[in-house]
Amino acid sequence: LVGNHTRGNRVVNLLLAGIMVGSLFS
């Protein structure tokens, strides 16, 4: 959801969103 609503490269956005959400759940 975060990666799909962020401007720029979709693959890079998914990676960054994964780091962010993973840190939140950790």
mmCIF file of all heavy atoms, coordinates in Angstrom:
data_MODEL
# 
_entry.id   MODEL 
# 
loop_
_atom_site.group_PDB 
_atom_site.id 
_atom_site.type_symbol 
_atom_site.label_atom_id 
_atom_site.label_alt_id 
_atom_site.label_comp_id 
_atom_site.label_asym_id 
_atom_site.label_entity_id 
_atom_site.label_seq_id 
_atom_site.pdbx_PDB_ins_code 
_atom_site.Cartn_x 
_atom_site.Cartn_y 
_atom_site.Cartn_z 
_atom_site.occupancy 
_atom_site.B_iso_or_equiv 
_atom_site.pdbx_formal_charge 
_atom_site.auth_seq_id 
_atom_site.auth_comp_id 
_atom_site.auth_asym_id 
_atom_site.auth_atom_id 
_atom_site.pdbx_PDB_model_num 
ATOM 1   N N   . LEU A 1 1  ? 0.829  -1.205 0.000   1.00 0.00 ? 1  LEU A N   1 
ATOM 2   C CA  . LEU A 1 1  ? 0.000  0.000  0.000   1.00 0.00 ? 1  LEU A CA  1 
ATOM 3   C C   . LEU A 1 1  ? 0.861  1.252  0.000   1.00 0.00 ? 1  LEU A C   1 
ATOM 4   O O   . LEU A 1 1  ? 0.616  2.202  -0.765  1.00 0.00 ? 1  LEU A O   1 
ATOM 5   C CB  . LEU A 1 1  ? -0.920 -0.014 1.217   1.00 0.00 ? 1  LEU A CB  1 
ATOM 6   C CG  . LEU A 1 1  ? -1.937 1.131  1.322   1.00 0.00 ? 1  LEU A CG  1 
ATOM 7   C CD1 . LEU A 1 1  ? -2.931 1.062  0.176   1.00 0.00 ? 1  LEU A CD1 1 
ATOM 8   C CD2 . LEU A 1 1  ? -2.663 1.081  2.660   1.00 0.00 ? 1  LEU A CD2 1 
ATOM 9   N N   . VAL A 1 2  ? 1.891  1.266  0.847   1.00 0.00 ? 2  VAL A N   1 
ATOM 10  C CA  . VAL A 1 2  ? 2.783  2.434  0.911   1.00 0.00 ? 2  VAL A CA  1 
ATOM 11  C C   . VAL A 1 2  ? 3.588  2.566  -0.381  1.00 0.00 ? 2  VAL A C   1 
ATOM 12  O O   . VAL A 1 2  ? 3.687  3.655  -0.963  1.00 0.00 ? 2  VAL A O   1 
ATOM 13  C CB  . VAL A 1 2  ? 3.726  2.312  2.128   1.00 0.00 ? 2  VAL A CB  1 
ATOM 14  C CG1 . VAL A 1 2  ? 4.771  3.423  2.098   1.00 0.00 ? 2  VAL A CG1 1 
ATOM 15  C CG2 . VAL A 1 2  ? 2.937  2.361  3.422   1.00 0.00 ? 2  VAL A CG2 1 
ATOM 16  N N   . GLY A 1 3  ? 4.155  1.450  -0.837  1.00 0.00 ? 3  GLY A N   1 
ATOM 17  C CA  . GLY A 1 3  ? 4.968  1.511  -2.046  1.00 0.00 ? 3  GLY A CA  1 
ATOM 18  C C   . GLY A 1 3  ? 4.190  1.884  -3.284  1.00 0.00 ? 3  GLY A C   1 
ATOM 19  O O   . GLY A 1 3  ? 4.718  2.528  -4.201  1.00 0.00 ? 3  GLY A O   1 
ATOM 20  N N   . ASN A 1 4  ? 2.908  1.496  -3.337  1.00 0.00 ? 4  ASN A N   1 
ATOM 21  C CA  . ASN A 1 4  ? 2.094  1.771  -4.516  1.00 0.00 ? 4  ASN A CA  1 
ATOM 22  C C   . ASN A 1 4  ? 1.604  3.211  -4.570  1.00 0.00 ? 4  ASN A C   1 
ATOM 23  O O   . ASN A 1 4  ? 1.203  3.694  -5.630  1.00 0.00 ? 4  ASN A O   1 
ATOM 24  C CB  . ASN A 1 4  ? 0.902  0.811  -4.542  1.00 0.00 ? 4  ASN A CB  1 
ATOM 25  C CG  . ASN A 1 4  ? 0.321  0.648  -5.927  1.00 0.00 ? 4  ASN A CG  1 
ATOM 26  O OD1 . ASN A 1 4  ? 1.050  0.602  -6.906  1.00 0.00 ? 4  ASN A OD1 1 
ATOM 27  N ND2 . ASN A 1 4  ? -0.996 0.558  -6.020  1.00 0.00 ? 4  ASN A ND2 1 
ATOM 28  N N   . HIS A 1 5  ? 1.638  3.901  -3.433  1.00 0.00 ? 5  HIS A N   1 
ATOM 29  C CA  . HIS A 1 5  ? 1.165  5.294  -3.391  1.00 0.00 ? 5  HIS A CA  1 
ATOM 30  C C   . HIS A 1 5  ? 2.314  6.269  -3.204  1.00 0.00 ? 5  HIS A C   1 
ATOM 31  O O   . HIS A 1 5  ? 2.118  7.380  -2.719  1.00 0.00 ? 5  HIS A O   1 
ATOM 32  C CB  . HIS A 1 5  ? 0.145  5.463  -2.254  1.00 0.00 ? 5  HIS A CB  1 
ATOM 33  C CG  . HIS A 1 5  ? -1.180 4.818  -2.539  1.00 0.00 ? 5  HIS A CG  1 
ATOM 34  N ND1 . HIS A 1 5  ? -1.389 3.463  -2.388  1.00 0.00 ? 5  HIS A ND1 1 
ATOM 35  C CD2 . HIS A 1 5  ? -2.362 5.341  -2.983  1.00 0.00 ? 5  HIS A CD2 1 
ATOM 36  C CE1 . HIS A 1 5  ? -2.643 3.168  -2.714  1.00 0.00 ? 5  HIS A CE1 1 
ATOM 37  N NE2 . HIS A 1 5  ? -3.253 4.287  -3.078  1.00 0.00 ? 5  HIS A NE2 1 
ATOM 38  N N   . THR A 1 6  ? 3.495  5.853  -3.568  1.00 0.00 ? 6  THR A N   1 
ATOM 39  C CA  . THR A 1 6  ? 4.672  6.718  -3.478  1.00 0.00 ? 6  THR A CA  1 
ATOM 40  C C   . THR A 1 6  ? 5.226  6.944  -4.875  1.00 0.00 ? 6  THR A C   1 
ATOM 41  O O   . THR A 1 6  ? 5.307  6.021  -5.693  1.00 0.00 ? 6  THR A O   1 
ATOM 42  C CB  . THR A 1 6  ? 5.758  6.074  -2.591  1.00 0.00 ? 6  THR A CB  1 
ATOM 43  O OG1 . THR A 1 6  ? 5.190  5.740  -1.322  1.00 0.00 ? 6  THR A OG1 1 
ATOM 44  C CG2 . THR A 1 6  ? 6.916  7.027  -2.390  1.00 0.00 ? 6  THR A CG2 1 
ATOM 45  N N   . ARG A 1 7  ? 5.607  8.161  -5.154  1.00 0.00 ? 7  ARG A N   1 
ATOM 46  C CA  . ARG A 1 7  ? 6.144  8.492  -6.472  1.00 0.00 ? 7  ARG A CA  1 
ATOM 47  C C   . ARG A 1 7  ? 7.562  7.935  -6.635  1.00 0.00 ? 7  ARG A C   1 
ATOM 48  O O   . ARG A 1 7  ? 8.287  7.777  -5.659  1.00 0.00 ? 7  ARG A O   1 
ATOM 49  C CB  . ARG A 1 7  ? 6.153  10.004 -6.673  1.00 0.00 ? 7  ARG A CB  1 
ATOM 50  C CG  . ARG A 1 7  ? 4.766  10.640 -6.698  1.00 0.00 ? 7  ARG A CG  1 
ATOM 51  C CD  . ARG A 1 7  ? 4.873  12.156 -6.892  1.00 0.00 ? 7  ARG A CD  1 
ATOM 52  N NE  . ARG A 1 7  ? 3.553  12.779 -6.910  1.00 0.00 ? 7  ARG A NE  1 
ATOM 53  C CZ  . ARG A 1 7  ? 3.356  14.084 -7.046  1.00 0.00 ? 7  ARG A CZ  1 
ATOM 54  N NH1 . ARG A 1 7  ? 4.403  14.908 -7.158  1.00 0.00 ? 7  ARG A NH1 1 
ATOM 55  N NH2 . ARG A 1 7  ? 2.134  14.571 -7.066  1.00 0.00 ? 7  ARG A NH2 1 
ATOM 56  N N   . GLY A 1 8  ? 7.903  7.680  -7.875  1.00 0.00 ? 8  GLY A N   1 
ATOM 57  C CA  . GLY A 1 8  ? 9.245  7.192  -8.172  1.00 0.00 ? 8  GLY A CA  1 
ATOM 58  C C   . GLY A 1 8  ? 9.230  5.747  -8.616  1.00 0.00 ? 8  GLY A C   1 
ATOM 59  O O   . GLY A 1 8  ? 8.189  5.183  -8.981  1.00 0.00 ? 8  GLY A O   1 
ATOM 60  N N   . ASN A 1 9  ? 10.397 5.141  -8.582  1.00 0.00 ? 9  ASN A N   1 
ATOM 61  C CA  . ASN A 1 9  ? 10.542 3.753  -8.997  1.00 0.00 ? 9  ASN A CA  1 
ATOM 62  C C   . ASN A 1 9  ? 9.784  2.827  -8.049  1.00 0.00 ? 9  ASN A C   1 
ATOM 63  O O   . ASN A 1 9  ? 10.003 2.843  -6.833  1.00 0.00 ? 9  ASN A O   1 
ATOM 64  C CB  . ASN A 1 9  ? 12.036 3.382  -9.023  1.00 0.00 ? 9  ASN A CB  1 
ATOM 65  C CG  . ASN A 1 9  ? 12.262 1.998  -9.611  1.00 0.00 ? 9  ASN A CG  1 
ATOM 66  O OD1 . ASN A 1 9  ? 12.009 0.994  -8.963  1.00 0.00 ? 9  ASN A OD1 1 
ATOM 67  N ND2 . ASN A 1 9  ? 12.739 1.976  -10.842 1.00 0.00 ? 9  ASN A ND2 1 
ATOM 68  N N   . ARG A 1 10 ? 8.892  1.997  -8.616  1.00 0.00 ? 10 ARG A N   1 
ATOM 69  C CA  . ARG A 1 10 ? 8.026  1.172  -7.772  1.00 0.00 ? 10 ARG A CA  1 
ATOM 70  C C   . ARG A 1 10 ? 8.817  0.121  -7.003  1.00 0.00 ? 10 ARG A C   1 
ATOM 71  O O   . ARG A 1 10 ? 8.534  -0.151 -5.833  1.00 0.00 ? 10 ARG A O   1 
ATOM 72  C CB  . ARG A 1 10 ? 6.961  0.495  -8.640  1.00 0.00 ? 10 ARG A CB  1 
ATOM 73  C CG  . ARG A 1 10 ? 6.008  -0.392 -7.851  1.00 0.00 ? 10 ARG A CG  1 
ATOM 74  C CD  . ARG A 1 10 ? 4.870  -0.891 -8.711  1.00 0.00 ? 10 ARG A CD  1 
ATOM 75  N NE  . ARG A 1 10 ? 4.037  0.213  -9.158  1.00 0.00 ? 10 ARG A NE  1 
ATOM 76  C CZ  . ARG A 1 10 ? 2.956  0.048  -9.925  1.00 0.00 ? 10 ARG A CZ  1 
ATOM 77  N NH1 . ARG A 1 10 ? 2.601  -1.161 -10.329 1.00 0.00 ? 10 ARG A NH1 1 
ATOM 78  N NH2 . ARG A 1 10 ? 2.232  1.089  -10.295 1.00 0.00 ? 10 ARG A NH2 1 
ATOM 79  N N   . VAL A 1 11 ? 9.818  -0.478 -7.638  1.00 0.00 ? 11 VAL A N   1 
ATOM 80  C CA  . VAL A 1 11 ? 10.618 -1.511 -6.979  1.00 0.00 ? 11 VAL A CA  1 
ATOM 81  C C   . VAL A 1 11 ? 11.380 -0.924 -5.796  1.00 0.00 ? 11 VAL A C   1 
ATOM 82  O O   . VAL A 1 11 ? 11.392 -1.486 -4.691  1.00 0.00 ? 11 VAL A O   1 
ATOM 83  C CB  . VAL A 1 11 ? 11.578 -2.176 -7.976  1.00 0.00 ? 11 VAL A CB  1 
ATOM 84  C CG1 . VAL A 1 11 ? 12.510 -3.146 -7.254  1.00 0.00 ? 11 VAL A CG1 1 
ATOM 85  C CG2 . VAL A 1 11 ? 10.804 -2.899 -9.065  1.00 0.00 ? 11 VAL A CG2 1 
ATOM 86  N N   . VAL A 1 12 ? 12.007 0.232  -6.012  1.00 0.00 ? 12 VAL A N   1 
ATOM 87  C CA  . VAL A 1 12 ? 12.737 0.882  -4.935  1.00 0.00 ? 12 VAL A CA  1 
ATOM 88  C C   . VAL A 1 12 ? 11.787 1.287  -3.810  1.00 0.00 ? 12 VAL A C   1 
ATOM 89  O O   . VAL A 1 12 ? 12.102 1.145  -2.620  1.00 0.00 ? 12 VAL A O   1 
ATOM 90  C CB  . VAL A 1 12 ? 13.500 2.112  -5.472  1.00 0.00 ? 12 VAL A CB  1 
ATOM 91  C CG1 . VAL A 1 12 ? 14.171 2.864  -4.329  1.00 0.00 ? 12 VAL A CG1 1 
ATOM 92  C CG2 . VAL A 1 12 ? 14.537 1.686  -6.494  1.00 0.00 ? 12 VAL A CG2 1 
ATOM 93  N N   . ASN A 1 13 ? 10.608 1.772  -4.178  1.00 0.00 ? 13 ASN A N   1 
ATOM 94  C CA  . ASN A 1 13 ? 9.637  2.161  -3.155  1.00 0.00 ? 13 ASN A CA  1 
ATOM 95  C C   . ASN A 1 13 ? 9.210  0.967  -2.305  1.00 0.00 ? 13 ASN A C   1 
ATOM 96  O O   . ASN A 1 13 ? 9.025  1.083  -1.092  1.00 0.00 ? 13 ASN A O   1 
ATOM 97  C CB  . ASN A 1 13 ? 8.411  2.781  -3.825  1.00 0.00 ? 13 ASN A CB  1 
ATOM 98  C CG  . ASN A 1 13 ? 8.710  4.150  -4.427  1.00 0.00 ? 13 ASN A CG  1 
ATOM 99  O OD1 . ASN A 1 13 ? 9.671  4.811  -4.036  1.00 0.00 ? 13 ASN A OD1 1 
ATOM 100 N ND2 . ASN A 1 13 ? 7.898  4.566  -5.382  1.00 0.00 ? 13 ASN A ND2 1 
ATOM 101 N N   . LEU A 1 14 ? 9.031  -0.196 -2.932  1.00 0.00 ? 14 LEU A N   1 
ATOM 102 C CA  . LEU A 1 14 ? 8.661  -1.388 -2.175  1.00 0.00 ? 14 LEU A CA  1 
ATOM 103 C C   . LEU A 1 14 ? 9.769  -1.783 -1.201  1.00 0.00 ? 14 LEU A C   1 
ATOM 104 O O   . LEU A 1 14 ? 9.495  -2.167 -0.055  1.00 0.00 ? 14 LEU A O   1 
ATOM 105 C CB  . LEU A 1 14 ? 8.365  -2.544 -3.131  1.00 0.00 ? 14 LEU A CB  1 
ATOM 106 C CG  . LEU A 1 14 ? 7.035  -2.488 -3.883  1.00 0.00 ? 14 LEU A CG  1 
ATOM 107 C CD1 . LEU A 1 14 ? 6.947  -3.641 -4.877  1.00 0.00 ? 14 LEU A CD1 1 
ATOM 108 C CD2 . LEU A 1 14 ? 5.860  -2.542 -2.918  1.00 0.00 ? 14 LEU A CD2 1 
ATOM 109 N N   . LEU A 1 15 ? 11.016 -1.695 -1.663  1.00 0.00 ? 15 LEU A N   1 
ATOM 110 C CA  . LEU A 1 15 ? 12.133 -2.028 -0.782  1.00 0.00 ? 15 LEU A CA  1 
ATOM 111 C C   . LEU A 1 15 ? 12.194 -1.085 0.418   1.00 0.00 ? 15 LEU A C   1 
ATOM 112 O O   . LEU A 1 15 ? 12.349 -1.521 1.566   1.00 0.00 ? 15 LEU A O   1 
ATOM 113 C CB  . LEU A 1 15 ? 13.447 -1.974 -1.560  1.00 0.00 ? 15 LEU A CB  1 
ATOM 114 C CG  . LEU A 1 15 ? 13.656 -3.041 -2.633  1.00 0.00 ? 15 LEU A CG  1 
ATOM 115 C CD1 . LEU A 1 15 ? 14.922 -2.772 -3.423  1.00 0.00 ? 15 LEU A CD1 1 
ATOM 116 C CD2 . LEU A 1 15 ? 13.719 -4.418 -1.993  1.00 0.00 ? 15 LEU A CD2 1 
ATOM 117 N N   . LEU A 1 16 ? 12.049 0.204  0.173   1.00 0.00 ? 16 LEU A N   1 
ATOM 118 C CA  . LEU A 1 16 ? 12.092 1.182  1.261   1.00 0.00 ? 16 LEU A CA  1 
ATOM 119 C C   . LEU A 1 16 ? 10.903 1.007  2.204   1.00 0.00 ? 16 LEU A C   1 
ATOM 120 O O   . LEU A 1 16 ? 11.046 1.100  3.436   1.00 0.00 ? 16 LEU A O   1 
ATOM 121 C CB  . LEU A 1 16 ? 12.111 2.594  0.687   1.00 0.00 ? 16 LEU A CB  1 
ATOM 122 C CG  . LEU A 1 16 ? 13.356 2.972  -0.122  1.00 0.00 ? 16 LEU A CG  1 
ATOM 123 C CD1 . LEU A 1 16 ? 13.214 4.372  -0.707  1.00 0.00 ? 16 LEU A CD1 1 
ATOM 124 C CD2 . LEU A 1 16 ? 14.608 2.882  0.735   1.00 0.00 ? 16 LEU A CD2 1 
ATOM 125 N N   . ALA A 1 17 ? 9.731  0.757  1.626   1.00 0.00 ? 17 ALA A N   1 
ATOM 126 C CA  . ALA A 1 17 ? 8.556  0.532  2.463   1.00 0.00 ? 17 ALA A CA  1 
ATOM 127 C C   . ALA A 1 17 ? 8.711  -0.736 3.295   1.00 0.00 ? 17 ALA A C   1 
ATOM 128 O O   . ALA A 1 17 ? 8.277  -0.789 4.455   1.00 0.00 ? 17 ALA A O   1 
ATOM 129 C CB  . ALA A 1 17 ? 7.303  0.440  1.592   1.00 0.00 ? 17 ALA A CB  1 
ATOM 130 N N   . GLY A 1 18 ? 9.351  -1.766 2.725   1.00 0.00 ? 18 GLY A N   1 
ATOM 131 C CA  . GLY A 1 18 ? 9.601  -2.995 3.474   1.00 0.00 ? 18 GLY A CA  1 
ATOM 132 C C   . GLY A 1 18 ? 10.506 -2.756 4.667   1.00 0.00 ? 18 GLY A C   1 
ATOM 133 O O   . GLY A 1 18 ? 10.272 -3.299 5.753   1.00 0.00 ? 18 GLY A O   1 
ATOM 134 N N   . ILE A 1 19 ? 11.532 -1.944 4.477   1.00 0.00 ? 19 ILE A N   1 
ATOM 135 C CA  . ILE A 1 19 ? 12.421 -1.615 5.597   1.00 0.00 ? 19 ILE A CA  1 
ATOM 136 C C   . ILE A 1 19 ? 11.663 -0.866 6.681   1.00 0.00 ? 19 ILE A C   1 
ATOM 137 O O   . ILE A 1 19 ? 11.799 -1.148 7.880   1.00 0.00 ? 19 ILE A O   1 
ATOM 138 C CB  . ILE A 1 19 ? 13.614 -0.784 5.080   1.00 0.00 ? 19 ILE A CB  1 
ATOM 139 C CG1 . ILE A 1 19 ? 14.475 -1.629 4.126   1.00 0.00 ? 19 ILE A CG1 1 
ATOM 140 C CG2 . ILE A 1 19 ? 14.459 -0.274 6.244   1.00 0.00 ? 19 ILE A CG2 1 
ATOM 141 C CD1 . ILE A 1 19 ? 15.572 -0.847 3.448   1.00 0.00 ? 19 ILE A CD1 1 
ATOM 142 N N   . MET A 1 20 ? 10.842 0.083  6.267   1.00 0.00 ? 20 MET A N   1 
ATOM 143 C CA  . MET A 1 20 ? 10.102 0.910  7.229   1.00 0.00 ? 20 MET A CA  1 
ATOM 144 C C   . MET A 1 20 ? 9.091  0.071  8.013   1.00 0.00 ? 20 MET A C   1 
ATOM 145 O O   . MET A 1 20 ? 9.057  0.099  9.246   1.00 0.00 ? 20 MET A O   1 
ATOM 146 C CB  . MET A 1 20 ? 9.382  2.035  6.491   1.00 0.00 ? 20 MET A CB  1 
ATOM 147 C CG  . MET A 1 20 ? 8.551  2.928  7.400   1.00 0.00 ? 20 MET A CG  1 
ATOM 148 S SD  . MET A 1 20 ? 7.407  3.960  6.468   1.00 0.00 ? 20 MET A SD  1 
ATOM 149 C CE  . MET A 1 20 ? 6.279  2.711  5.843   1.00 0.00 ? 20 MET A CE  1 
ATOM 150 N N   . VAL A 1 21 ? 8.264  -0.683 7.299   1.00 0.00 ? 21 VAL A N   1 
ATOM 151 C CA  . VAL A 1 21 ? 7.227  -1.479 7.968   1.00 0.00 ? 21 VAL A CA  1 
ATOM 152 C C   . VAL A 1 21 ? 7.860  -2.583 8.810   1.00 0.00 ? 21 VAL A C   1 
ATOM 153 O O   . VAL A 1 21 ? 7.396  -2.883 9.927   1.00 0.00 ? 21 VAL A O   1 
ATOM 154 C CB  . VAL A 1 21 ? 6.257  -2.062 6.926   1.00 0.00 ? 21 VAL A CB  1 
ATOM 155 C CG1 . VAL A 1 21 ? 5.266  -3.030 7.586   1.00 0.00 ? 21 VAL A CG1 1 
ATOM 156 C CG2 . VAL A 1 21 ? 5.492  -0.947 6.224   1.00 0.00 ? 21 VAL A CG2 1 
ATOM 157 N N   . GLY A 1 22 ? 8.931  -3.205 8.299   1.00 0.00 ? 22 GLY A N   1 
ATOM 158 C CA  . GLY A 1 22 ? 9.625  -4.230 9.080   1.00 0.00 ? 22 GLY A CA  1 
ATOM 159 C C   . GLY A 1 22 ? 10.176 -3.674 10.383  1.00 0.00 ? 22 GLY A C   1 
ATOM 160 O O   . GLY A 1 22 ? 10.086 -4.322 11.434  1.00 0.00 ? 22 GLY A O   1 
ATOM 161 N N   . SER A 1 23 ? 10.733 -2.465 10.322  1.00 0.00 ? 23 SER A N   1 
ATOM 162 C CA  . SER A 1 23 ? 11.238 -1.832 11.551  1.00 0.00 ? 23 SER A CA  1 
ATOM 163 C C   . SER A 1 23 ? 10.110 -1.528 12.521  1.00 0.00 ? 23 SER A C   1 
ATOM 164 O O   . SER A 1 23 ? 10.263 -1.673 13.741  1.00 0.00 ? 23 SER A O   1 
ATOM 165 C CB  . SER A 1 23 ? 11.981 -0.540 11.191  1.00 0.00 ? 23 SER A CB  1 
ATOM 166 O OG  . SER A 1 23 ? 13.097 -0.809 10.367  1.00 0.00 ? 23 SER A OG  1 
ATOM 167 N N   . LEU A 1 24 ? 8.963  -1.114 11.997  1.00 0.00 ? 24 LEU A N   1 
ATOM 168 C CA  . LEU A 1 24 ? 7.820  -0.811 12.847  1.00 0.00 ? 24 LEU A CA  1 
ATOM 169 C C   . LEU A 1 24 ? 7.338  -2.063 13.587  1.00 0.00 ? 24 LEU A C   1 
ATOM 170 O O   . LEU A 1 24 ? 7.115  -2.037 14.803  1.00 0.00 ? 24 LEU A O   1 
ATOM 171 C CB  . LEU A 1 24 ? 6.694  -0.228 11.998  1.00 0.00 ? 24 LEU A CB  1 
ATOM 172 C CG  . LEU A 1 24 ? 5.382  0.097  12.731  1.00 0.00 ? 24 LEU A CG  1 
ATOM 173 C CD1 . LEU A 1 24 ? 5.619  1.158  13.806  1.00 0.00 ? 24 LEU A CD1 1 
ATOM 174 C CD2 . LEU A 1 24 ? 4.326  0.566  11.741  1.00 0.00 ? 24 LEU A CD2 1 
ATOM 175 N N   . PHE A 1 25 ? 7.201  -3.171 12.861  1.00 0.00 ? 25 PHE A N   1 
ATOM 176 C CA  . PHE A 1 25 ? 6.745  -4.404 13.502  1.00 0.00 ? 25 PHE A CA  1 
ATOM 177 C C   . PHE A 1 25 ? 7.805  -4.956 14.456  1.00 0.00 ? 25 PHE A C   1 
ATOM 178 O O   . PHE A 1 25 ? 7.465  -5.548 15.488  1.00 0.00 ? 25 PHE A O   1 
ATOM 179 C CB  . PHE A 1 25 ? 6.383  -5.444 12.443  1.00 0.00 ? 25 PHE A CB  1 
ATOM 180 C CG  . PHE A 1 25 ? 4.985  -5.308 11.911  1.00 0.00 ? 25 PHE A CG  1 
ATOM 181 C CD1 . PHE A 1 25 ? 4.741  -4.653 10.718  1.00 0.00 ? 25 PHE A CD1 1 
ATOM 182 C CD2 . PHE A 1 25 ? 3.916  -5.825 12.612  1.00 0.00 ? 25 PHE A CD2 1 
ATOM 183 C CE1 . PHE A 1 25 ? 3.453  -4.524 10.227  1.00 0.00 ? 25 PHE A CE1 1 
ATOM 184 C CE2 . PHE A 1 25 ? 2.622  -5.703 12.139  1.00 0.00 ? 25 PHE A CE2 1 
ATOM 185 C CZ  . PHE A 1 25 ? 2.384  -5.045 10.929  1.00 0.00 ? 25 PHE A CZ  1 
ATOM 186 N N   . SER A 1 26 ? 9.075  -4.772 14.130  1.00 0.00 ? 26 SER A N   1 
ATOM 187 C CA  . SER A 1 26 ? 10.130 -5.195 15.054  1.00 0.00 ? 26 SER A CA  1 
ATOM 188 C C   . SER A 1 26 ? 10.070 -4.410 16.349  1.00 0.00 ? 26 SER A C   1 
ATOM 189 O O   . SER A 1 26 ? 10.275 -4.967 17.445  1.00 0.00 ? 26 SER A O   1 
ATOM 190 C CB  . SER A 1 26 ? 11.506 -5.022 14.397  1.00 0.00 ? 26 SER A CB  1 
ATOM 191 O OG  . SER A 1 26 ? 11.649 -5.873 13.278  1.00 0.00 ? 26 SER A OG  1 
# 
